[in-house]
Protein backbone atom coordinates (compact mmCIF):
# COMPACT_ATOMS: atom_id res chain seq x y z
CA UNK A 1 39.53 -95.25 -17.38
CA UNK A 2 41.00 -94.36 -20.74
CA UNK A 3 37.60 -93.53 -22.13
CA UNK A 4 36.60 -91.44 -19.11
CA UNK A 5 39.35 -88.94 -19.92
CA UNK A 6 37.53 -88.09 -23.13
CA UNK A 7 34.09 -87.80 -21.53
CA UNK A 8 34.74 -84.12 -20.82
CA UNK A 9 34.75 -83.44 -24.58
CA UNK A 10 31.30 -84.99 -25.15
CA UNK A 11 28.59 -82.44 -25.81
CA UNK A 12 26.36 -82.18 -22.72
CA UNK A 13 22.70 -83.06 -23.11
CA UNK A 14 19.58 -82.98 -20.97
CA UNK A 15 16.75 -85.39 -21.74
CA UNK A 16 18.43 -86.10 -25.06
CA UNK A 17 18.57 -82.41 -26.03
CA UNK A 18 22.14 -81.12 -26.73
CA UNK A 19 23.07 -78.16 -24.55
CA UNK A 20 25.93 -76.88 -26.69
CA UNK A 21 23.76 -73.96 -27.82
CA UNK A 22 23.44 -72.82 -24.19
CA UNK A 23 27.19 -73.28 -23.68
CA UNK A 24 27.85 -71.04 -26.70
CA UNK A 25 25.32 -68.35 -25.77
CA UNK A 26 26.12 -68.26 -22.04
CA UNK A 27 29.32 -66.13 -22.34
CA UNK A 28 27.31 -63.20 -23.73
CA UNK A 29 25.54 -62.95 -20.36
CA UNK A 30 28.79 -61.99 -18.64
CA UNK A 31 29.56 -59.07 -20.94
CA UNK A 32 28.73 -55.65 -19.46
CA UNK A 33 25.86 -53.86 -21.12
CA UNK A 34 26.67 -50.64 -23.02
CA UNK A 35 26.01 -47.44 -21.16
CA UNK A 36 25.40 -43.84 -22.22
CA UNK A 37 27.19 -42.39 -19.20
CA UNK A 38 30.39 -40.44 -19.77
CA UNK A 39 32.22 -42.20 -16.94
CA UNK A 40 31.99 -46.01 -16.74
CA UNK A 41 33.27 -48.40 -14.10
CA UNK A 42 36.79 -49.81 -14.16
CA UNK A 43 35.77 -53.12 -15.77
CA UNK A 44 34.18 -51.48 -18.81
CA UNK A 45 37.06 -49.02 -19.09
CA UNK A 46 39.69 -51.80 -19.09
CA UNK A 47 37.64 -53.90 -21.50
CA UNK A 48 37.24 -51.01 -23.91
CA UNK A 49 40.94 -50.16 -23.74
CA UNK A 50 41.98 -53.76 -24.44
CA UNK A 51 39.56 -54.10 -27.37
CA UNK A 52 40.74 -50.79 -28.84
CA UNK A 53 44.39 -51.80 -28.56
CA UNK A 54 43.75 -55.20 -30.09
CA UNK A 55 41.67 -53.79 -32.93
CA UNK A 56 44.21 -51.09 -33.76
CA UNK A 57 47.06 -53.60 -33.90
CA UNK A 58 45.00 -56.03 -35.98
CA UNK A 59 43.86 -53.42 -38.49
CA UNK A 60 47.27 -51.75 -38.82
CA UNK A 61 48.49 -53.73 -41.89
CA UNK A 62 45.09 -53.60 -43.61
CA UNK A 63 43.91 -50.85 -45.90
CA UNK A 64 40.70 -48.90 -45.39
CA UNK A 65 38.57 -51.58 -47.06
CA UNK A 66 39.65 -54.16 -44.49
CA UNK A 67 38.61 -51.95 -41.56
CA UNK A 68 35.02 -53.01 -42.14
CA UNK A 69 35.97 -56.30 -40.49
CA UNK A 70 37.13 -54.66 -37.24
CA UNK A 71 33.86 -55.23 -35.36
CA UNK A 72 33.63 -58.86 -36.50
CA UNK A 73 37.23 -59.66 -35.55
CA UNK A 74 36.99 -57.93 -32.16
CA UNK A 75 33.72 -59.72 -31.34
CA UNK A 76 35.13 -63.08 -32.41
CA UNK A 77 38.28 -62.51 -30.35
CA UNK A 78 36.36 -61.66 -27.17
CA UNK A 79 33.94 -64.53 -27.73
CA UNK A 80 36.69 -67.15 -28.21
CA UNK A 81 38.68 -65.92 -25.22
CA UNK A 82 35.58 -66.05 -23.01
CA UNK A 83 34.65 -69.57 -24.10
CA UNK A 84 38.22 -70.83 -23.70
CA UNK A 85 38.60 -69.27 -20.25
CA UNK A 86 35.23 -70.52 -18.98
CA UNK A 87 36.18 -74.00 -20.16
CA UNK A 88 39.02 -74.07 -17.63
CA UNK A 89 36.58 -73.89 -14.72
CA UNK A 90 35.64 -77.19 -13.01
CA UNK A 91 32.53 -79.01 -14.23
CA UNK A 92 32.26 -76.90 -17.37
CA UNK A 93 32.16 -77.74 -21.06
CA UNK A 94 34.45 -76.11 -23.61
CA UNK A 95 32.64 -75.80 -26.97
CA UNK A 96 35.89 -74.90 -28.77
CA UNK A 97 37.21 -78.42 -28.17
CA UNK A 98 34.69 -79.53 -30.82
CA UNK A 99 36.19 -79.51 -34.31
CA UNK A 100 32.75 -79.00 -35.86
CA UNK A 101 32.28 -75.70 -34.02
CA UNK A 102 35.74 -74.41 -34.89
CA UNK A 103 35.28 -75.37 -38.53
CA UNK A 104 31.94 -73.58 -38.44
CA UNK A 105 33.85 -70.42 -37.52
CA UNK A 106 36.83 -70.98 -39.82
CA UNK A 107 35.25 -72.07 -43.11
CA UNK A 108 32.71 -69.24 -43.61
CA UNK A 109 35.17 -66.51 -42.61
CA UNK A 110 37.96 -67.93 -44.77
CA UNK A 111 35.54 -68.34 -47.68
CA UNK A 112 34.40 -64.73 -47.25
CA UNK A 113 37.99 -63.46 -47.54
CA UNK A 114 38.53 -65.55 -50.69
CA UNK A 115 35.29 -64.36 -52.29
CA UNK A 116 36.14 -60.74 -51.50
CA UNK A 117 39.48 -61.16 -53.25
CA UNK A 118 37.89 -62.83 -56.27
CA UNK A 119 35.31 -60.05 -56.56
CA UNK A 120 37.48 -57.00 -55.96
CA UNK A 121 40.82 -58.02 -57.46
CA UNK A 122 40.58 -61.39 -59.24
CA UNK A 123 43.94 -61.03 -61.01
CA UNK A 124 45.87 -60.48 -57.78
CA UNK A 125 43.90 -63.17 -55.95
CA UNK A 126 44.64 -65.74 -58.63
CA UNK A 127 48.23 -64.49 -58.83
CA UNK A 128 48.85 -65.85 -55.31
CA UNK A 129 48.57 -69.35 -56.78
CA UNK A 130 51.70 -68.81 -58.89
CA UNK A 131 54.79 -67.12 -57.41
CA UNK A 132 56.58 -64.67 -59.65
CA UNK A 133 59.59 -66.01 -61.51
CA UNK A 134 58.50 -69.64 -61.43
CA UNK A 135 60.19 -71.84 -64.08
CA UNK A 136 57.80 -72.95 -66.81
CA UNK A 137 58.04 -76.73 -66.10
CA UNK A 138 57.09 -76.15 -62.46
CA UNK A 139 54.03 -74.00 -63.14
CA UNK A 140 51.39 -76.83 -63.14
CA UNK A 141 52.87 -78.41 -60.01
CA UNK A 142 53.06 -75.13 -58.09
CA UNK A 143 49.51 -74.19 -59.03
CA UNK A 144 48.28 -77.52 -57.64
CA UNK A 145 50.35 -77.14 -54.46
CA UNK A 146 49.22 -73.55 -53.85
CA UNK A 147 45.59 -74.50 -54.48
CA UNK A 148 45.81 -77.34 -51.96
CA UNK A 149 47.46 -75.04 -49.41
CA UNK A 150 44.69 -72.51 -49.97
CA UNK A 151 41.96 -75.03 -49.20
CA UNK A 152 43.87 -76.41 -46.20
CA UNK A 153 43.81 -73.01 -44.46
CA UNK A 154 40.36 -73.34 -42.81
CA UNK A 155 41.17 -76.90 -41.76
CA UNK A 156 44.41 -75.71 -40.17
CA UNK A 157 42.53 -72.95 -38.34
CA UNK A 158 40.00 -75.33 -36.85
CA UNK A 159 42.40 -78.17 -36.06
CA UNK A 160 44.94 -75.82 -34.41
CA UNK A 161 42.39 -74.42 -31.97
CA UNK A 162 40.84 -77.82 -31.26
CA UNK A 163 44.15 -79.66 -30.78
CA UNK A 164 45.71 -77.10 -28.45
CA UNK A 165 42.70 -76.87 -26.16
CA UNK A 166 42.06 -80.63 -26.19
CA UNK A 167 45.69 -81.46 -25.37
CA UNK A 168 45.73 -78.96 -22.52
CA UNK A 169 42.52 -80.27 -20.97
CA UNK A 170 43.71 -83.87 -21.23
CA UNK A 171 47.05 -83.03 -19.64
CA UNK A 172 45.36 -81.20 -16.76
CA UNK A 173 43.04 -84.14 -16.14
CA UNK A 174 45.90 -86.67 -16.28
CA UNK A 175 48.03 -84.73 -13.79
CA UNK A 176 45.04 -84.08 -11.51
CA UNK A 177 44.28 -87.81 -11.49
CA UNK A 178 47.91 -88.52 -10.62
CA UNK A 179 47.72 -86.09 -7.68
CA UNK A 180 44.69 -87.88 -6.20
CA UNK A 181 46.28 -91.29 -6.67
CA UNK A 182 49.65 -90.28 -5.17
CA UNK A 183 48.28 -88.27 -2.23
CA UNK A 184 47.62 -91.20 0.17
CA UNK A 185 50.77 -93.10 -0.86
CA UNK A 186 53.43 -90.40 -1.43
CA UNK A 187 52.26 -87.01 -0.12
CA UNK A 188 55.52 -85.24 -1.01
CA UNK A 189 55.38 -86.36 -4.62
CA UNK A 190 51.69 -85.45 -4.73
CA UNK A 191 52.44 -81.91 -3.54
CA UNK A 192 55.15 -81.52 -6.18
CA UNK A 193 52.75 -82.85 -8.79
CA UNK A 194 50.08 -80.41 -7.61
CA UNK A 195 52.59 -77.59 -8.05
CA UNK A 196 53.16 -78.71 -11.62
CA UNK A 197 49.38 -78.83 -12.08
CA UNK A 198 49.05 -75.24 -10.86
CA UNK A 199 51.76 -74.04 -13.24
CA UNK A 200 50.15 -76.00 -16.09
CA UNK A 201 46.81 -74.35 -15.33
CA UNK A 202 48.45 -70.92 -15.61
CA UNK A 203 49.96 -72.03 -18.91
CA UNK A 204 46.55 -73.14 -20.15
CA UNK A 205 45.09 -69.74 -19.29
CA UNK A 206 47.76 -68.18 -21.52
CA UNK A 207 47.11 -70.79 -24.24
CA UNK A 208 43.37 -70.05 -24.13
CA UNK A 209 44.03 -66.37 -24.83
CA UNK A 210 46.87 -66.90 -27.32
CA UNK A 211 44.94 -69.42 -29.42
CA UNK A 212 41.98 -67.06 -29.71
CA UNK A 213 44.33 -64.29 -30.79
CA UNK A 214 46.12 -66.53 -33.31
CA UNK A 215 42.78 -67.64 -34.80
CA UNK A 216 41.71 -64.04 -35.44
CA UNK A 217 45.21 -62.94 -36.49
CA UNK A 218 45.43 -65.60 -39.21
CA UNK A 219 42.00 -64.58 -40.50
CA UNK A 220 43.22 -60.98 -40.72
CA UNK A 221 46.28 -62.13 -42.67
CA UNK A 222 44.05 -64.01 -45.10
CA UNK A 223 41.96 -60.87 -45.45
CA UNK A 224 45.08 -58.78 -46.05
CA UNK A 225 45.89 -60.86 -49.13
CA UNK A 226 42.49 -60.16 -50.65
CA UNK A 227 41.77 -56.47 -49.98
């Protein structure tokens, strides 16, 4: 029973072929196709307004050089939200519960921000490793600490997204199992537990959106330090 709770996080396969690639590419099918008409339907209008608002808020603290990342950040945000939301549906697989996938997003994008800083402004980029006004005896220690914290950033990005989604899915499954077990024995308690399950599901919907936003927001902050 304890192992079956974690079966939902196993990558699905068919005839020994992993289907995670289909799970990652499937959300793009649900996106509306671009149109050349002047007036679009309500769905495309709302989607465009939300993306414009998100992009404008995300690019606000960045200078003009960082605006080149607007399309990448907006696409990543919409993609992560879609995957996280689809993973809340029954009998579905959430690819973002896999640490390998999240690290595949986090490491290249973090490394790109670091390389941009090293290429465009190496003095300022290296200056982040040593705070101004540091006492001389503490300089070697602080450089080591700041270097470690720099390399921990992509790990923190991937682990944060994985841990939050995994914990939410496990909690939903545990409470749902409790509802089915309690229903024939204590219907009143089962109904109360089902109410908690409904509220937790609403919370997980918010977590799915917030974690996607936090992932992209932290990447924009890393970019802000290097442009």
